[in-house]
Structure formats: structure tokens, C-alpha cells
Amino acid sequence: MKSMERSLYEFQARESLPLQPDCSPTIPSLILPLKIHPSIVRLNNYTNRRWYKLMNSSGVLNSLRLIKGYAVWKTMDVFSWRSFMYLLVFSQIITPLVSLLVWQAVTAQEQTVNDWSSAEFLIYYLAIIMVRQLTVSYEHHMLGMNIYSGEITSLLLKPHHLLYSVIGENLAVKIVSYTVSIPLIILLWISFSPTSLPSLSNIMLFILTVINASILRFLWLYLLTLTAFWTEKTHSLVNAGEVVIFLIGGEVAPLFLINGVFGEIAYYLPFYGMLGFPAETLIGIKGVSLSHGLLLQYGWMFILLLLCTWVYKKGIKRYSALGG
């Protein structure tokens, strides 16, 4: 047994493979008594080594480590003002909850609106609350203040892009807000007790679209926050952007209830992909197809990313010209 472990250890050293912290072989000891053909071991080690080099050469691993470091560091920072975060979480629930109660009253006594009964509206607005909480983003409270105060200079001097710090802060805010928002969401589902529950496929689709919506909302608010390089009215601009999401994102009413040209245009704007589309996936998409919604999300991700890059470069030039 010991001789086999020694031979495997020597093989790893000869193949320049990373050793475990305890200098033990990577193959579990439970299967060491089995005879493993050397070609299988060599192929496995070669594949792992090539995959590690590919990820490392592309900078993916370094980027993930950097974002993880910022997220851990910023999480401890955000916890110091968590009471303010919890207040923001509760404020995010009020408007969709009011809309839910309104539509519950409209569809009372088994009435339907465009084939949607009280049960569908209940699940839809509970999903709206979930999407709002899971895609929360407060870049203007952190990045905007850093630009105003000049503290962004220290971030610009670091040997990496400013976006790593912003993403780390975004994840930290989500982690802290989830500590209260997720139990609150569970409590709301238990309190309202929907008669019908979403299928497993709808839940998986909901998770995918919420991740996309989180990226979309982050890019949208990040773009608005970058205007802090030019104006001190960024908070008002971001609030206006949130109001737009509220009005035509599907929170006031599902978009299929909006008639006319305005309703048709709303299906092609990014705000539907940030809010209404993920919520509809839990009960069945109505008004557009699934492919339309996914293409809308990915297409606007690309467009907003280009806009963020362009505005960031212009903003940094202006900041440098003013002596920042």
C-alpha cells in the first residue's frame, strides 16, 4: 500500500502536477488497492493540467479570485451598515405588495382578467417580489459616492479594472440583503399559500432568467451611476431609472394587459427582461415566446456592456482632466 502511494506521488512530481496540502496523492485512498492502468491516470492528469492552463491563461481564474476577494472584504464592510440595507429590502417589497392586493381585489369572486385568475396574479406578484429582491443593486450608494468624494482615485491606481471592485460590492450587497429577503420571501409564500405551485421546469427557467435579470439590472444602474463623472444628480437619475423599471417592467401591471403600440414597444425594452419576463416564467409566459425573452435579455446585456465601456472611458478622461 505504501509503495503504491509512493509511486503515485513520484508520478505526480514527475508530471509537475499540483500536490494536495498534505502531500497525498489526488486519487482517494479507498480506490488505491485497485489496479489502475497508467494510461488512464496519465490521461486524467493531462486533461486536468490542460484545463487549468486554459483557464489560467485566459485570466478567468485570476478574475474570479479577485471578485471573490472583493466580495468577502465588502461583505464585512456592508454588514457594518446592515440596518440601512434591511430598510432598503423592506422598501423593495411595498410597491409590488400593494399591486398584488389591488389585483387580488380586481379578480375577487372568481373573476378573470385576460384568462388570468386570482391564483395567477398571486404567483406573478410573489415572483415580482422575488425578482426585485434577488436582483437588488445599489451602485449609486457606493460607486457614486466614491466618485463625488474622490475616493475612486485609489481604486483607479490598482492594477486591475474598477469593475472588479464594483462587482464585488454588488455581490456583497446581495449577500447581506439575502439574509433578510429570502426568509421574508418564504414567509410571504407561506402567508398567501398559492393554490397551484410552479413546475420544476418553470422553477429552473426562473432561476436562469433571474440570473440574467440580475446582470441586466446591474449594467443598467452601473451605466446610470457612471454619470456621476459629469453631474451630482446621479441619485435622482438612478431613481428615475428605477421608476421606469416599475412602470414598464411589468410591476404596475403585466405587460400583456397594456394595449396599443406602447405595449408592443415595451416587449423590446430591457426593463421587461429585468422584471416581468422572469416573473412570467413561473406561471407561463404570455404575450411573447420564451426565445424572445431570452434573446431580449442577452441582446440588451451586450448593448449595455458596450455603453458602459464607452461611458466609463469618457468619464475617466473627464475625471483625469479635472485633476482627479
Protein backbone atom coordinates (compact mmCIF):
# COMPACT_ATOMS: atom_id res chain seq x y z
CA MET A 1 0.00 0.00 0.00
CA LYS A 2 2.73 2.48 0.99
CA SER A 3 4.80 1.58 -2.07
CA MET A 4 1.80 2.28 -4.34
CA GLU A 5 1.23 5.65 -2.67
CA ARG A 6 4.92 6.48 -3.07
CA SER A 7 4.87 5.57 -6.75
CA LEU A 8 1.80 7.73 -7.38
CA TYR A 9 3.43 10.60 -5.51
CA GLU A 10 6.56 10.28 -7.66
CA PHE A 11 4.41 10.16 -10.79
CA GLN A 12 2.71 13.41 -9.80
CA ALA A 13 6.02 15.07 -9.09
CA ARG A 14 7.43 13.91 -12.43
CA GLU A 15 4.36 15.19 -14.31
CA SER A 16 4.52 18.58 -12.48
CA LEU A 17 1.00 18.24 -11.10
CA PRO A 18 -0.20 20.31 -8.12
CA LEU A 19 0.04 18.28 -4.90
CA GLN A 20 -2.52 18.29 -2.14
CA PRO A 21 -1.72 20.29 1.02
CA ASP A 22 -0.97 17.08 2.92
CA CYS A 23 1.27 15.86 0.04
CA SER A 24 -1.01 12.90 -0.53
CA PRO A 25 -1.99 11.59 -3.96
CA THR A 26 -5.01 13.10 -5.67
CA ILE A 27 -6.61 9.65 -6.10
CA PRO A 28 -8.65 8.75 -2.98
CA SER A 29 -7.12 6.11 -0.75
CA LEU A 30 -10.27 3.98 -0.95
CA ILE A 31 -9.51 3.05 -4.55
CA LEU A 32 -5.74 2.69 -4.19
CA PRO A 33 -5.88 -1.12 -3.88
CA LEU A 34 -7.50 -1.27 -7.34
CA LYS A 35 -5.24 -1.65 -10.33
CA ILE A 36 -5.47 1.49 -12.47
CA HIS A 37 -3.96 1.41 -15.90
CA PRO A 38 -1.19 4.04 -16.18
CA SER A 39 -2.66 5.42 -19.43
CA ILE A 40 -5.94 6.27 -17.65
CA VAL A 41 -4.10 8.08 -14.87
CA ARG A 42 -1.92 9.91 -17.41
CA LEU A 43 -4.94 10.93 -19.50
CA ASN A 44 -6.79 12.21 -16.43
CA ASN A 45 -3.80 14.21 -15.23
CA TYR A 46 -3.16 15.59 -18.72
CA THR A 47 -6.80 16.72 -19.04
CA ASN A 48 -6.77 18.41 -15.64
CA ARG A 49 -3.48 20.14 -16.41
CA ARG A 50 -4.67 21.39 -19.82
CA TRP A 51 -7.95 22.68 -18.37
CA TYR A 52 -6.10 24.51 -15.58
CA LYS A 53 -3.70 26.11 -18.08
CA LEU A 54 -6.58 27.14 -20.34
CA MET A 55 -8.50 28.79 -17.51
CA ASN A 56 -5.37 30.41 -16.11
CA SER A 57 -4.12 31.71 -19.48
CA SER A 58 -7.47 33.33 -20.23
CA GLY A 59 -7.40 35.16 -16.90
CA VAL A 60 -10.69 33.62 -15.77
CA LEU A 61 -9.27 32.13 -12.57
CA ASN A 62 -7.50 35.34 -11.60
CA SER A 63 -10.65 37.36 -12.28
CA LEU A 64 -12.78 35.02 -10.17
CA ARG A 65 -10.25 35.13 -7.32
CA LEU A 66 -10.21 38.93 -7.47
CA ILE A 67 -14.01 39.21 -7.45
CA LYS A 68 -14.21 36.69 -4.60
CA GLY A 69 -11.69 38.68 -2.56
CA TYR A 70 -13.59 41.92 -3.07
CA ALA A 71 -16.92 40.22 -2.27
CA VAL A 72 -15.62 38.82 1.04
CA TRP A 73 -14.00 42.11 2.02
CA LYS A 74 -17.00 44.24 1.06
CA THR A 75 -19.44 41.86 2.78
CA MET A 76 -17.82 42.61 6.13
CA ASP A 77 -18.00 46.32 5.29
CA VAL A 78 -21.68 46.19 4.28
CA PHE A 79 -22.57 44.30 7.47
CA SER A 80 -21.48 47.38 9.42
CA TRP A 81 -24.46 49.30 8.00
CA ARG A 82 -26.80 46.34 7.58
CA SER A 83 -29.71 48.15 9.29
CA PHE A 84 -29.84 50.55 6.33
CA MET A 85 -29.70 47.58 3.95
CA TYR A 86 -32.61 45.92 5.73
CA LEU A 87 -34.62 49.14 5.42
CA LEU A 88 -33.96 49.13 1.66
CA VAL A 89 -35.06 45.48 1.46
CA PHE A 90 -38.39 46.25 3.12
CA SER A 91 -38.90 49.27 0.86
CA GLN A 92 -38.49 47.00 -2.20
CA ILE A 93 -41.47 44.91 -1.05
CA ILE A 94 -44.06 47.64 -0.52
CA THR A 95 -44.94 48.56 -4.13
CA PRO A 96 -45.33 45.01 -5.54
CA LEU A 97 -47.26 44.02 -2.43
CA VAL A 98 -49.70 46.91 -2.98
CA SER A 99 -50.07 45.90 -6.64
CA LEU A 100 -50.73 42.33 -5.55
CA LEU A 101 -53.52 43.39 -3.19
CA VAL A 102 -55.06 45.59 -5.90
CA TRP A 103 -55.16 42.78 -8.47
CA GLN A 104 -56.43 40.35 -5.84
CA ALA A 105 -59.37 42.71 -5.30
CA VAL A 106 -59.96 43.05 -9.06
CA THR A 107 -60.04 39.28 -9.59
CA ALA A 108 -62.10 38.51 -6.50
CA GLN A 109 -65.18 36.25 -6.69
CA GLU A 110 -63.62 34.04 -9.39
CA GLN A 111 -63.32 36.82 -11.97
CA THR A 112 -60.54 36.67 -14.57
CA VAL A 113 -58.57 39.30 -16.49
CA ASN A 114 -57.30 38.09 -19.87
CA ASP A 115 -57.60 34.47 -18.68
CA TRP A 116 -55.62 35.20 -15.52
CA SER A 117 -57.40 34.40 -12.27
CA SER A 118 -56.56 35.44 -8.74
CA ALA A 119 -54.14 32.49 -8.42
CA GLU A 120 -52.08 33.56 -11.46
CA PHE A 121 -51.83 37.16 -10.26
CA LEU A 122 -50.82 35.92 -6.81
CA ILE A 123 -47.94 33.82 -8.14
CA TYR A 124 -46.93 36.58 -10.58
CA TYR A 125 -46.59 39.27 -7.93
CA LEU A 126 -44.90 36.95 -5.47
CA ALA A 127 -42.44 36.27 -8.29
CA ILE A 128 -42.08 40.04 -8.86
CA ILE A 129 -41.13 40.43 -5.19
CA MET A 130 -38.59 37.61 -5.54
CA VAL A 131 -37.07 39.11 -8.70
CA ARG A 132 -36.78 42.57 -7.13
CA GLN A 133 -35.07 41.16 -4.05
CA LEU A 134 -32.75 38.76 -5.88
CA THR A 135 -31.60 41.35 -8.44
CA VAL A 136 -31.08 44.17 -5.95
CA SER A 137 -28.35 46.65 -6.94
CA TYR A 138 -27.24 49.85 -5.15
CA GLU A 139 -24.22 51.02 -7.11
CA HIS A 140 -25.20 54.69 -6.75
CA HIS A 141 -24.88 54.46 -2.96
CA MET A 142 -21.26 53.27 -3.20
CA LEU A 143 -19.63 53.95 -6.56
CA GLY A 144 -21.42 57.29 -6.95
CA MET A 145 -20.26 58.48 -3.52
CA ASN A 146 -16.71 57.35 -4.28
CA ILE A 147 -16.70 59.46 -7.44
CA TYR A 148 -18.10 62.50 -5.60
CA SER A 149 -15.60 62.25 -2.74
CA GLY A 150 -12.59 61.45 -4.93
CA GLU A 151 -12.01 58.09 -3.24
CA ILE A 152 -12.25 56.46 -6.65
CA THR A 153 -8.68 57.62 -7.28
CA SER A 154 -7.31 54.89 -5.01
CA LEU A 155 -9.34 52.30 -6.96
CA LEU A 156 -8.07 53.59 -10.30
CA LEU A 157 -4.47 53.21 -9.10
CA LYS A 158 -4.94 49.48 -8.56
CA PRO A 159 -3.56 47.14 -11.27
CA HIS A 160 -6.99 45.98 -12.40
CA HIS A 161 -10.23 47.40 -13.76
CA LEU A 162 -12.58 49.32 -11.50
CA LEU A 163 -15.36 46.90 -12.45
CA TYR A 164 -13.89 44.15 -10.24
CA SER A 165 -14.44 46.28 -7.16
CA VAL A 166 -17.94 47.27 -8.29
CA ILE A 167 -18.95 43.64 -8.92
CA GLY A 168 -17.51 42.63 -5.54
CA GLU A 169 -19.58 45.33 -3.83
CA ASN A 170 -22.65 44.25 -5.76
CA LEU A 171 -22.24 40.65 -4.59
CA ALA A 172 -21.61 41.81 -1.02
CA VAL A 173 -24.83 43.83 -1.01
CA LYS A 174 -26.73 40.82 -2.35
CA ILE A 175 -25.27 38.52 0.31
CA VAL A 176 -26.26 40.86 3.14
CA SER A 177 -29.71 41.60 1.72
CA TYR A 178 -30.39 37.89 1.17
CA THR A 179 -30.07 37.27 4.91
CA VAL A 180 -33.40 39.03 5.40
CA SER A 181 -35.03 38.98 1.96
CA ILE A 182 -35.02 35.19 1.47
CA PRO A 183 -36.71 34.45 4.84
CA LEU A 184 -39.16 37.26 4.05
CA ILE A 185 -39.98 35.73 0.65
CA ILE A 186 -40.55 32.32 2.25
CA LEU A 187 -42.83 33.93 4.85
CA LEU A 188 -44.87 35.65 2.13
CA TRP A 189 -45.31 32.39 0.19
CA ILE A 190 -46.46 30.63 3.35
CA SER A 191 -48.80 33.51 4.27
CA PHE A 192 -50.53 33.72 0.89
CA SER A 193 -50.42 29.94 0.26
CA PRO A 194 -50.89 29.79 -3.55
CA THR A 195 -53.29 27.03 -4.60
CA SER A 196 -51.07 25.97 -7.52
CA LEU A 197 -47.30 25.71 -7.44
CA PRO A 198 -44.89 26.16 -10.38
CA SER A 199 -43.49 23.08 -12.08
CA LEU A 200 -39.84 22.07 -11.72
CA SER A 201 -39.06 23.13 -15.30
CA ASN A 202 -40.57 26.57 -14.65
CA ILE A 203 -38.52 26.92 -11.48
CA MET A 204 -35.28 26.06 -13.32
CA LEU A 205 -36.18 28.53 -16.07
CA PHE A 206 -36.98 31.13 -13.43
CA ILE A 207 -33.51 30.72 -11.88
CA LEU A 208 -31.84 31.21 -15.29
CA THR A 209 -33.87 34.30 -16.15
CA VAL A 210 -33.33 35.82 -12.69
CA ILE A 211 -29.56 35.49 -13.13
CA ASN A 212 -29.87 37.23 -16.50
CA ALA A 213 -32.12 39.89 -14.97
CA SER A 214 -29.60 40.49 -12.19
CA ILE A 215 -26.85 41.14 -14.74
CA LEU A 216 -29.15 43.38 -16.79
CA ARG A 217 -30.21 45.46 -13.81
CA PHE A 218 -26.61 45.76 -12.61
CA LEU A 219 -25.43 47.02 -16.01
CA TRP A 220 -28.36 49.46 -16.27
CA LEU A 221 -27.75 51.01 -12.83
CA TYR A 222 -23.97 50.93 -13.31
CA LEU A 223 -24.44 52.90 -16.54
CA LEU A 224 -26.58 55.50 -14.77
CA THR A 225 -24.13 55.69 -11.86
CA LEU A 226 -21.24 56.49 -14.21
CA THR A 227 -22.94 59.82 -14.93
CA ALA A 228 -21.50 60.91 -11.56
CA PHE A 229 -18.39 61.90 -13.54
CA TRP A 230 -20.45 64.73 -15.06
CA THR A 231 -23.21 65.57 -12.58
CA GLU A 232 -24.05 65.44 -8.89
CA LYS A 233 -27.65 64.49 -9.66
CA THR A 234 -26.85 60.81 -10.13
CA HIS A 235 -29.15 59.69 -7.31
CA SER A 236 -32.09 61.41 -8.98
CA LEU A 237 -31.17 59.84 -12.32
CA VAL A 238 -30.92 56.37 -10.79
CA ASN A 239 -34.26 56.84 -9.03
CA ALA A 240 -35.78 57.83 -12.38
CA GLY A 241 -34.32 54.65 -13.88
CA GLU A 242 -35.94 52.61 -11.10
CA VAL A 243 -39.28 54.31 -11.77
CA VAL A 244 -39.03 53.35 -15.45
CA ILE A 245 -38.49 49.71 -14.44
CA PHE A 246 -41.52 49.97 -12.15
CA LEU A 247 -43.78 51.49 -14.82
CA ILE A 248 -42.93 49.46 -17.94
CA GLY A 249 -41.11 46.48 -16.48
CA GLY A 250 -44.29 44.65 -15.55
CA GLU A 251 -44.79 45.69 -11.93
CA VAL A 252 -47.73 48.10 -12.23
CA ALA A 253 -49.44 45.52 -14.44
CA PRO A 254 -48.32 42.55 -16.56
CA LEU A 255 -47.34 43.82 -20.00
CA PHE A 256 -49.92 41.70 -21.83
CA LEU A 257 -52.60 43.91 -20.23
CA ILE A 258 -51.14 47.05 -21.85
CA ASN A 259 -52.78 47.54 -25.24
CA GLY A 260 -51.62 49.56 -28.21
CA VAL A 261 -48.24 50.49 -29.63
CA PHE A 262 -46.77 51.30 -26.22
CA GLY A 263 -47.43 47.76 -25.02
CA GLU A 264 -45.76 46.31 -28.11
CA ILE A 265 -42.68 48.53 -27.70
CA ALA A 266 -42.34 47.59 -24.02
CA TYR A 267 -41.68 43.97 -25.00
CA TYR A 268 -38.47 45.08 -26.76
CA LEU A 269 -37.08 47.25 -23.96
CA PRO A 270 -34.63 45.89 -21.37
CA PHE A 271 -36.96 46.62 -18.45
CA TYR A 272 -39.24 43.71 -19.32
CA GLY A 273 -36.21 41.42 -19.16
CA MET A 274 -35.29 42.82 -15.74
CA LEU A 275 -38.64 42.19 -14.06
CA GLY A 276 -41.72 40.98 -15.92
CA PHE A 277 -40.17 38.24 -18.05
CA PRO A 278 -38.52 36.33 -15.16
CA ALA A 279 -41.74 36.58 -13.14
CA GLU A 280 -43.84 35.21 -16.00
CA THR A 281 -41.63 32.14 -16.35
CA LEU A 282 -43.05 30.77 -13.09
CA ILE A 283 -46.62 30.61 -14.42
CA GLY A 284 -46.16 30.52 -18.18
CA ILE A 285 -45.03 33.32 -20.46
CA LYS A 286 -47.85 35.26 -22.04
CA GLY A 287 -47.54 37.81 -24.84
CA VAL A 288 -44.16 36.72 -26.23
CA SER A 289 -42.25 33.48 -26.68
CA LEU A 290 -39.52 32.12 -24.42
CA SER A 291 -36.90 32.62 -27.14
CA HIS A 292 -37.95 36.26 -27.49
CA GLY A 293 -37.44 36.85 -23.77
CA LEU A 294 -34.03 35.17 -23.64
CA LEU A 295 -32.81 36.96 -26.78
CA LEU A 296 -34.06 40.21 -25.29
CA GLN A 297 -32.02 39.65 -22.13
CA TYR A 298 -28.80 38.59 -23.86
CA GLY A 299 -29.11 41.26 -26.55
CA TRP A 300 -29.52 44.09 -24.05
CA MET A 301 -26.69 42.68 -21.93
CA PHE A 302 -24.39 43.13 -24.92
CA ILE A 303 -25.70 46.62 -25.72
CA LEU A 304 -25.48 47.85 -22.12
CA LEU A 305 -21.99 46.40 -21.75
CA LEU A 306 -20.83 48.38 -24.79
CA LEU A 307 -22.48 51.54 -23.46
CA CYS A 308 -20.92 51.06 -20.01
CA THR A 309 -17.47 50.63 -21.56
CA TRP A 310 -17.85 53.77 -23.69
CA VAL A 311 -19.25 55.94 -20.87
CA TYR A 312 -16.59 54.67 -18.45
CA LYS A 313 -13.75 55.66 -20.79
CA LYS A 314 -15.27 59.11 -21.35
CA GLY A 315 -15.83 59.55 -17.62
CA ILE A 316 -12.27 58.59 -16.69
CA LYS A 317 -10.90 61.09 -19.22
CA ARG A 318 -13.05 63.84 -17.74
CA TYR A 319 -12.09 62.86 -14.19
CA SER A 320 -8.38 62.94 -15.08
CA ALA A 321 -8.73 66.28 -16.89
CA LEU A 322 -10.27 67.83 -13.76
CA GLY A 323 -7.33 66.67 -11.65
CA GLY A 324 -8.89 63.54 -10.17
